[in-house]
N, C-alpha and C. Protein backbone atom coordinates (compact mmCIF):
# COMPACT_ATOMS: atom_id res chain seq x y z
N MET A 1 9.63 -17.08 -2.95
CA MET A 1 9.13 -15.71 -2.88
C MET A 1 10.27 -14.76 -3.21
N PRO A 2 9.96 -13.62 -3.83
CA PRO A 2 11.00 -12.68 -4.23
C PRO A 2 11.75 -12.11 -3.03
N ASP A 3 12.94 -11.56 -3.33
CA ASP A 3 13.72 -10.90 -2.29
C ASP A 3 12.91 -9.80 -1.64
N LYS A 4 13.35 -9.38 -0.45
CA LYS A 4 12.69 -8.28 0.24
C LYS A 4 12.73 -7.03 -0.63
N LEU A 5 11.61 -6.34 -0.67
CA LEU A 5 11.51 -5.14 -1.49
C LEU A 5 11.84 -3.91 -0.66
N THR A 6 12.38 -2.90 -1.33
CA THR A 6 12.62 -1.62 -0.66
C THR A 6 11.29 -0.88 -0.53
N PRO A 7 11.21 0.11 0.36
CA PRO A 7 9.98 0.90 0.45
C PRO A 7 9.59 1.52 -0.89
N SER A 8 10.56 2.01 -1.63
CA SER A 8 10.28 2.62 -2.93
C SER A 8 9.68 1.59 -3.89
N THR A 9 10.26 0.41 -3.93
CA THR A 9 9.76 -0.64 -4.81
C THR A 9 8.36 -1.05 -4.40
N GLU A 10 8.11 -1.12 -3.10
CA GLU A 10 6.76 -1.44 -2.62
C GLU A 10 5.77 -0.37 -3.05
N ASP A 11 6.20 0.91 -3.03
CA ASP A 11 5.31 1.98 -3.48
C ASP A 11 4.93 1.81 -4.95
N TYR A 12 5.92 1.44 -5.78
CA TYR A 12 5.62 1.20 -7.19
C TYR A 12 4.65 0.04 -7.34
N LEU A 13 4.89 -1.03 -6.62
CA LEU A 13 4.03 -2.21 -6.72
C LEU A 13 2.61 -1.89 -6.26
N GLU A 14 2.49 -1.15 -5.18
CA GLU A 14 1.16 -0.76 -4.69
C GLU A 14 0.45 0.12 -5.73
N THR A 15 1.17 1.05 -6.31
CA THR A 15 0.57 1.94 -7.33
C THR A 15 0.14 1.14 -8.55
N ILE A 16 0.96 0.22 -9.00
CA ILE A 16 0.60 -0.62 -10.15
C ILE A 16 -0.64 -1.45 -9.81
N TYR A 17 -0.68 -1.98 -8.61
CA TYR A 17 -1.85 -2.76 -8.18
C TYR A 17 -3.11 -1.89 -8.23
N LEU A 18 -3.04 -0.68 -7.68
CA LEU A 18 -4.21 0.21 -7.65
C LEU A 18 -4.65 0.63 -9.05
N ILE A 19 -3.69 0.94 -9.91
CA ILE A 19 -4.04 1.29 -11.30
C ILE A 19 -4.73 0.12 -11.97
N GLY A 20 -4.22 -1.08 -11.73
CA GLY A 20 -4.82 -2.29 -12.31
C GLY A 20 -6.24 -2.54 -11.84
N GLN A 21 -6.59 -2.00 -10.66
CA GLN A 21 -7.96 -2.13 -10.16
C GLN A 21 -8.90 -1.15 -10.86
N GLU A 22 -8.34 -0.09 -11.44
CA GLU A 22 -9.15 0.97 -12.03
C GLU A 22 -9.17 0.96 -13.56
N LEU A 23 -8.05 0.58 -14.16
CA LEU A 23 -7.92 0.67 -15.61
C LEU A 23 -7.65 -0.69 -16.23
N PRO A 24 -8.07 -0.89 -17.48
CA PRO A 24 -7.86 -2.19 -18.13
C PRO A 24 -6.39 -2.45 -18.49
N VAL A 25 -5.60 -1.38 -18.69
CA VAL A 25 -4.18 -1.55 -19.00
C VAL A 25 -3.36 -0.59 -18.14
N ILE A 26 -2.14 -1.00 -17.84
CA ILE A 26 -1.24 -0.20 -17.01
C ILE A 26 -0.07 0.24 -17.88
N ARG A 27 0.17 1.55 -17.90
CA ARG A 27 1.25 2.11 -18.70
C ARG A 27 2.22 2.87 -17.79
N VAL A 28 3.45 2.99 -18.24
CA VAL A 28 4.49 3.73 -17.52
C VAL A 28 4.02 5.16 -17.26
N LYS A 29 3.40 5.76 -18.25
CA LYS A 29 2.96 7.15 -18.13
C LYS A 29 1.98 7.32 -16.97
N GLU A 30 1.07 6.38 -16.80
CA GLU A 30 0.08 6.46 -15.72
C GLU A 30 0.77 6.32 -14.35
N ILE A 31 1.71 5.40 -14.24
CA ILE A 31 2.44 5.23 -12.98
C ILE A 31 3.22 6.51 -12.66
N SER A 32 3.89 7.05 -13.66
CA SER A 32 4.66 8.28 -13.51
C SER A 32 3.77 9.41 -13.01
N SER A 33 2.62 9.56 -13.61
CA SER A 33 1.68 10.61 -13.24
C SER A 33 1.17 10.43 -11.81
N ARG A 34 0.78 9.23 -11.45
CA ARG A 34 0.23 8.97 -10.11
C ARG A 34 1.26 9.17 -9.01
N MET A 35 2.50 8.78 -9.30
CA MET A 35 3.53 8.84 -8.27
C MET A 35 4.32 10.14 -8.27
N GLY A 36 4.16 10.91 -9.34
CA GLY A 36 4.90 12.16 -9.44
C GLY A 36 6.40 11.95 -9.64
N VAL A 37 6.73 10.92 -10.40
CA VAL A 37 8.13 10.61 -10.70
C VAL A 37 8.32 10.57 -12.21
N SER A 38 9.58 10.59 -12.63
CA SER A 38 9.87 10.59 -14.07
C SER A 38 9.60 9.22 -14.69
N MET A 39 9.36 9.23 -15.98
CA MET A 39 9.13 7.96 -16.70
C MET A 39 10.38 7.08 -16.67
N PRO A 40 11.61 7.62 -16.78
CA PRO A 40 12.78 6.76 -16.64
C PRO A 40 12.86 6.08 -15.26
N SER A 41 12.43 6.79 -14.21
CA SER A 41 12.40 6.17 -12.88
C SER A 41 11.42 5.00 -12.84
N VAL A 42 10.28 5.19 -13.47
CA VAL A 42 9.29 4.12 -13.53
C VAL A 42 9.85 2.94 -14.32
N ASN A 43 10.48 3.20 -15.46
CA ASN A 43 11.07 2.12 -16.25
C ASN A 43 12.07 1.32 -15.44
N SER A 44 12.89 2.01 -14.69
CA SER A 44 13.88 1.33 -13.85
C SER A 44 13.20 0.46 -12.79
N ALA A 45 12.20 1.01 -12.14
CA ALA A 45 11.47 0.25 -11.11
C ALA A 45 10.76 -0.95 -11.71
N VAL A 46 10.15 -0.78 -12.88
CA VAL A 46 9.44 -1.88 -13.53
C VAL A 46 10.42 -2.99 -13.92
N LYS A 47 11.59 -2.62 -14.40
CA LYS A 47 12.61 -3.63 -14.72
C LYS A 47 13.00 -4.40 -13.47
N ASN A 48 13.14 -3.69 -12.36
CA ASN A 48 13.47 -4.32 -11.09
C ASN A 48 12.36 -5.28 -10.66
N LEU A 49 11.11 -4.85 -10.78
CA LEU A 49 9.98 -5.71 -10.43
C LEU A 49 9.89 -6.92 -11.36
N ALA A 50 10.22 -6.72 -12.63
CA ALA A 50 10.21 -7.84 -13.58
C ALA A 50 11.30 -8.85 -13.22
N ALA A 51 12.46 -8.36 -12.81
CA ALA A 51 13.55 -9.26 -12.41
C ALA A 51 13.15 -10.09 -11.19
N LYS A 52 12.28 -9.56 -10.37
CA LYS A 52 11.78 -10.28 -9.19
C LYS A 52 10.53 -11.09 -9.50
N LYS A 53 10.14 -11.09 -10.78
CA LYS A 53 8.98 -11.85 -11.27
C LYS A 53 7.67 -11.38 -10.64
N LEU A 54 7.58 -10.06 -10.43
CA LEU A 54 6.35 -9.48 -9.88
C LEU A 54 5.51 -8.79 -10.95
N VAL A 55 6.14 -8.45 -12.09
CA VAL A 55 5.42 -7.89 -13.23
C VAL A 55 5.95 -8.50 -14.52
N ASP A 56 5.11 -8.47 -15.53
CA ASP A 56 5.50 -8.79 -16.90
C ASP A 56 5.34 -7.52 -17.70
N PHE A 57 6.29 -7.25 -18.60
CA PHE A 57 6.14 -6.08 -19.46
C PHE A 57 7.07 -6.21 -20.65
N GLU A 58 6.72 -5.50 -21.69
CA GLU A 58 7.58 -5.38 -22.85
C GLU A 58 7.91 -3.91 -23.00
N LYS A 59 9.11 -3.60 -23.44
CA LYS A 59 9.51 -2.22 -23.61
C LYS A 59 8.46 -1.49 -24.46
N TYR A 60 8.03 -0.33 -23.97
CA TYR A 60 7.00 0.50 -24.60
C TYR A 60 5.64 -0.19 -24.66
N GLY A 61 5.47 -1.23 -23.86
CA GLY A 61 4.19 -1.93 -23.85
C GLY A 61 3.47 -1.77 -22.52
N TYR A 62 2.50 -2.62 -22.31
CA TYR A 62 1.72 -2.60 -21.09
C TYR A 62 2.45 -3.34 -19.99
N ILE A 63 2.09 -2.99 -18.77
CA ILE A 63 2.65 -3.64 -17.58
C ILE A 63 1.54 -4.48 -16.97
N GLN A 64 1.86 -5.68 -16.59
CA GLN A 64 0.89 -6.57 -15.98
C GLN A 64 1.50 -7.23 -14.76
N LEU A 65 0.76 -7.23 -13.67
CA LEU A 65 1.24 -7.91 -12.46
C LEU A 65 1.17 -9.42 -12.66
N THR A 66 2.17 -10.11 -12.16
CA THR A 66 2.11 -11.56 -12.11
C THR A 66 1.22 -11.94 -10.92
N ARG A 67 0.95 -13.18 -10.77
CA ARG A 67 0.15 -13.62 -9.62
C ARG A 67 0.83 -13.20 -8.31
N ALA A 68 2.14 -13.44 -8.22
CA ALA A 68 2.88 -13.05 -7.01
C ALA A 68 2.87 -11.54 -6.83
N GLY A 69 2.99 -10.80 -7.91
CA GLY A 69 2.95 -9.34 -7.85
C GLY A 69 1.61 -8.81 -7.38
N ARG A 70 0.55 -9.43 -7.86
CA ARG A 70 -0.81 -9.04 -7.46
C ARG A 70 -1.00 -9.30 -5.97
N GLN A 71 -0.55 -10.45 -5.50
CA GLN A 71 -0.69 -10.78 -4.07
C GLN A 71 0.11 -9.81 -3.21
N LYS A 72 1.34 -9.54 -3.61
CA LYS A 72 2.19 -8.63 -2.85
C LYS A 72 1.62 -7.20 -2.89
N GLY A 73 1.20 -6.74 -4.05
CA GLY A 73 0.62 -5.41 -4.18
C GLY A 73 -0.64 -5.25 -3.35
N ARG A 74 -1.50 -6.26 -3.38
CA ARG A 74 -2.73 -6.23 -2.57
C ARG A 74 -2.38 -6.20 -1.08
N GLY A 75 -1.38 -6.97 -0.68
CA GLY A 75 -0.96 -6.99 0.72
C GLY A 75 -0.45 -5.64 1.20
N ILE A 76 0.35 -4.98 0.37
CA ILE A 76 0.86 -3.65 0.71
C ILE A 76 -0.30 -2.67 0.84
N TYR A 77 -1.22 -2.71 -0.12
CA TYR A 77 -2.37 -1.82 -0.09
C TYR A 77 -3.24 -2.09 1.15
N GLU A 78 -3.45 -3.33 1.49
CA GLU A 78 -4.26 -3.67 2.66
C GLU A 78 -3.60 -3.19 3.95
N ARG A 79 -2.27 -3.33 4.05
CA ARG A 79 -1.55 -2.80 5.22
C ARG A 79 -1.77 -1.29 5.32
N HIS A 80 -1.60 -0.62 4.19
CA HIS A 80 -1.76 0.83 4.15
C HIS A 80 -3.17 1.23 4.60
N THR A 81 -4.16 0.57 4.05
CA THR A 81 -5.56 0.87 4.37
C THR A 81 -5.86 0.62 5.84
N LEU A 82 -5.37 -0.48 6.38
CA LEU A 82 -5.60 -0.79 7.80
C LEU A 82 -4.97 0.27 8.69
N LEU A 83 -3.72 0.63 8.40
CA LEU A 83 -3.04 1.63 9.22
C LEU A 83 -3.75 2.98 9.16
N LYS A 84 -4.10 3.40 7.95
CA LYS A 84 -4.78 4.69 7.80
C LYS A 84 -6.12 4.67 8.54
N SER A 85 -6.87 3.60 8.42
CA SER A 85 -8.15 3.48 9.11
C SER A 85 -7.97 3.52 10.62
N PHE A 86 -6.96 2.82 11.13
CA PHE A 86 -6.69 2.82 12.56
C PHE A 86 -6.39 4.24 13.04
N PHE A 87 -5.55 4.93 12.29
CA PHE A 87 -5.17 6.28 12.69
C PHE A 87 -6.35 7.25 12.64
N THR A 88 -7.18 7.16 11.60
CA THR A 88 -8.29 8.11 11.47
C THR A 88 -9.51 7.69 12.28
N ASP A 89 -9.96 6.46 12.11
CA ASP A 89 -11.22 6.01 12.71
C ASP A 89 -11.12 5.73 14.20
N ILE A 90 -9.96 5.31 14.66
CA ILE A 90 -9.82 4.96 16.07
C ILE A 90 -9.08 6.04 16.85
N LEU A 91 -7.93 6.47 16.32
CA LEU A 91 -7.15 7.47 17.05
C LEU A 91 -7.60 8.90 16.79
N GLY A 92 -8.35 9.11 15.70
CA GLY A 92 -8.84 10.45 15.39
C GLY A 92 -7.79 11.36 14.76
N VAL A 93 -6.80 10.76 14.12
CA VAL A 93 -5.75 11.54 13.45
C VAL A 93 -6.32 12.14 12.16
N GLU A 94 -5.90 13.36 11.86
CA GLU A 94 -6.31 14.04 10.63
C GLU A 94 -5.93 13.18 9.42
N THR A 95 -6.78 13.17 8.41
CA THR A 95 -6.61 12.30 7.25
C THR A 95 -5.25 12.46 6.57
N ALA A 96 -4.81 13.68 6.32
CA ALA A 96 -3.54 13.89 5.63
C ALA A 96 -2.36 13.33 6.43
N VAL A 97 -2.39 13.52 7.74
CA VAL A 97 -1.32 12.99 8.60
C VAL A 97 -1.40 11.47 8.62
N ALA A 98 -2.61 10.94 8.74
CA ALA A 98 -2.79 9.48 8.77
C ALA A 98 -2.29 8.85 7.47
N GLU A 99 -2.57 9.49 6.35
CA GLU A 99 -2.13 8.98 5.04
C GLU A 99 -0.60 8.91 4.98
N GLU A 100 0.05 9.98 5.39
CA GLU A 100 1.52 10.02 5.35
C GLU A 100 2.12 9.00 6.31
N ASP A 101 1.58 8.92 7.53
CA ASP A 101 2.10 7.97 8.51
C ASP A 101 1.90 6.53 8.04
N ALA A 102 0.73 6.24 7.49
CA ALA A 102 0.46 4.89 6.99
C ALA A 102 1.43 4.52 5.89
N CYS A 103 1.70 5.47 5.00
CA CYS A 103 2.62 5.21 3.89
C CYS A 103 4.03 4.92 4.40
N ASN A 104 4.43 5.60 5.45
CA ASN A 104 5.77 5.37 6.02
C ASN A 104 5.85 4.06 6.79
N ILE A 105 4.84 3.77 7.57
CA ILE A 105 4.87 2.59 8.44
C ILE A 105 4.63 1.30 7.67
N GLU A 106 3.81 1.34 6.62
CA GLU A 106 3.43 0.12 5.90
C GLU A 106 4.64 -0.69 5.43
N HIS A 107 5.76 -0.04 5.24
CA HIS A 107 6.95 -0.71 4.73
C HIS A 107 7.77 -1.41 5.81
N HIS A 108 7.50 -1.09 7.06
CA HIS A 108 8.37 -1.56 8.13
C HIS A 108 7.68 -2.40 9.20
N ILE A 109 6.37 -2.50 9.13
CA ILE A 109 5.63 -3.22 10.15
C ILE A 109 5.55 -4.71 9.80
N SER A 110 5.67 -5.54 10.79
CA SER A 110 5.65 -6.99 10.54
C SER A 110 4.24 -7.49 10.30
N ASN A 111 4.15 -8.64 9.66
CA ASN A 111 2.84 -9.27 9.44
C ASN A 111 2.18 -9.66 10.76
N ILE A 112 2.98 -10.03 11.74
CA ILE A 112 2.45 -10.40 13.05
C ILE A 112 1.76 -9.19 13.69
N THR A 113 2.43 -8.04 13.66
CA THR A 113 1.86 -6.83 14.25
C THR A 113 0.63 -6.37 13.47
N ILE A 114 0.70 -6.45 12.15
CA ILE A 114 -0.47 -6.08 11.32
C ILE A 114 -1.66 -6.95 11.67
N ASP A 115 -1.44 -8.25 11.83
CA ASP A 115 -2.54 -9.16 12.16
C ASP A 115 -3.17 -8.78 13.50
N LYS A 116 -2.33 -8.50 14.50
CA LYS A 116 -2.86 -8.13 15.81
C LYS A 116 -3.54 -6.77 15.77
N LEU A 117 -3.00 -5.84 15.00
CA LEU A 117 -3.61 -4.52 14.86
C LEU A 117 -4.97 -4.64 14.18
N LYS A 118 -5.07 -5.51 13.19
CA LYS A 118 -6.34 -5.72 12.51
C LYS A 118 -7.39 -6.28 13.47
N ARG A 119 -7.00 -7.28 14.26
CA ARG A 119 -7.95 -7.86 15.21
C ARG A 119 -8.37 -6.84 16.27
N PHE A 120 -7.41 -6.04 16.74
CA PHE A 120 -7.70 -5.01 17.73
C PHE A 120 -8.63 -3.94 17.14
N SER A 121 -8.34 -3.51 15.91
CA SER A 121 -9.18 -2.52 15.22
C SER A 121 -10.59 -3.04 15.04
N ASP A 122 -10.71 -4.28 14.58
CA ASP A 122 -12.03 -4.88 14.37
C ASP A 122 -12.81 -4.90 15.69
N TYR A 123 -12.15 -5.28 16.77
CA TYR A 123 -12.79 -5.31 18.09
C TYR A 123 -13.29 -3.92 18.47
N LEU A 124 -12.41 -2.93 18.34
CA LEU A 124 -12.79 -1.57 18.74
C LEU A 124 -13.92 -1.02 17.86
N LEU A 125 -13.86 -1.30 16.57
CA LEU A 125 -14.90 -0.79 15.68
C LEU A 125 -16.25 -1.45 15.94
N ARG A 126 -16.24 -2.68 16.47
CA ARG A 126 -17.49 -3.33 16.87
C ARG A 126 -18.01 -2.73 18.19
N ASN A 127 -17.12 -2.10 18.93
CA ASN A 127 -17.45 -1.52 20.24
C ASN A 127 -17.13 -0.03 20.22
N LYS A 128 -17.84 0.69 19.37
CA LYS A 128 -17.54 2.12 19.16
C LYS A 128 -17.57 2.94 20.44
N ALA A 129 -18.35 2.51 21.42
CA ALA A 129 -18.38 3.23 22.70
C ALA A 129 -16.99 3.22 23.34
N SER A 130 -16.24 2.14 23.14
CA SER A 130 -14.88 2.06 23.68
C SER A 130 -13.99 3.13 23.07
N ILE A 131 -14.14 3.36 21.78
CA ILE A 131 -13.34 4.37 21.09
C ILE A 131 -13.69 5.75 21.62
N LYS A 132 -14.99 6.04 21.71
CA LYS A 132 -15.43 7.34 22.20
C LYS A 132 -14.95 7.55 23.63
N ASN A 133 -15.08 6.55 24.46
CA ASN A 133 -14.65 6.64 25.85
C ASN A 133 -13.15 6.90 25.93
N TRP A 134 -12.38 6.19 25.14
CA TRP A 134 -10.92 6.39 25.13
C TRP A 134 -10.58 7.80 24.69
N ARG A 135 -11.20 8.27 23.60
CA ARG A 135 -10.92 9.62 23.10
C ARG A 135 -11.30 10.67 24.13
N ASP A 136 -12.47 10.50 24.76
CA ASP A 136 -12.94 11.48 25.74
C ASP A 136 -11.99 11.57 26.93
N ASN A 137 -11.34 10.47 27.26
CA ASN A 137 -10.46 10.44 28.44
C ASN A 137 -9.00 10.70 28.13
N THR A 138 -8.62 10.75 26.86
CA THR A 138 -7.21 10.92 26.56
C THR A 138 -6.89 12.13 25.69
N LEU A 139 -7.89 12.68 25.04
CA LEU A 139 -7.61 13.80 24.13
C LEU A 139 -7.93 15.14 24.73
């Protein structure tokens, strides 16, 4: 498995994964636009991801996730989605705050904690009265 990724590199990988879910081809320009960063920054990040064997690309060509890159990108996105859902659907945090917090935490939370958080979230969402009761008594 590739070396540990930095939060910034994970953000690039997650963005590439999401673009790949929406568009038939992934270009530097699209990543730059989505992330609000310069094209040279994207090129540098893509080279880094290629060195870790998470993407394949040719200069001025399309970017494609490798199998490992797709798995890692999907995992990052799923962590982000779970955290945001927990914050909004269970804790009642405003969407914009939940989005920012999820983006920050997704890079530092362990797989063990994510797994337990997922099981806890699933339990609470099956028992919505528990969520309402908790909110009514704590907020």
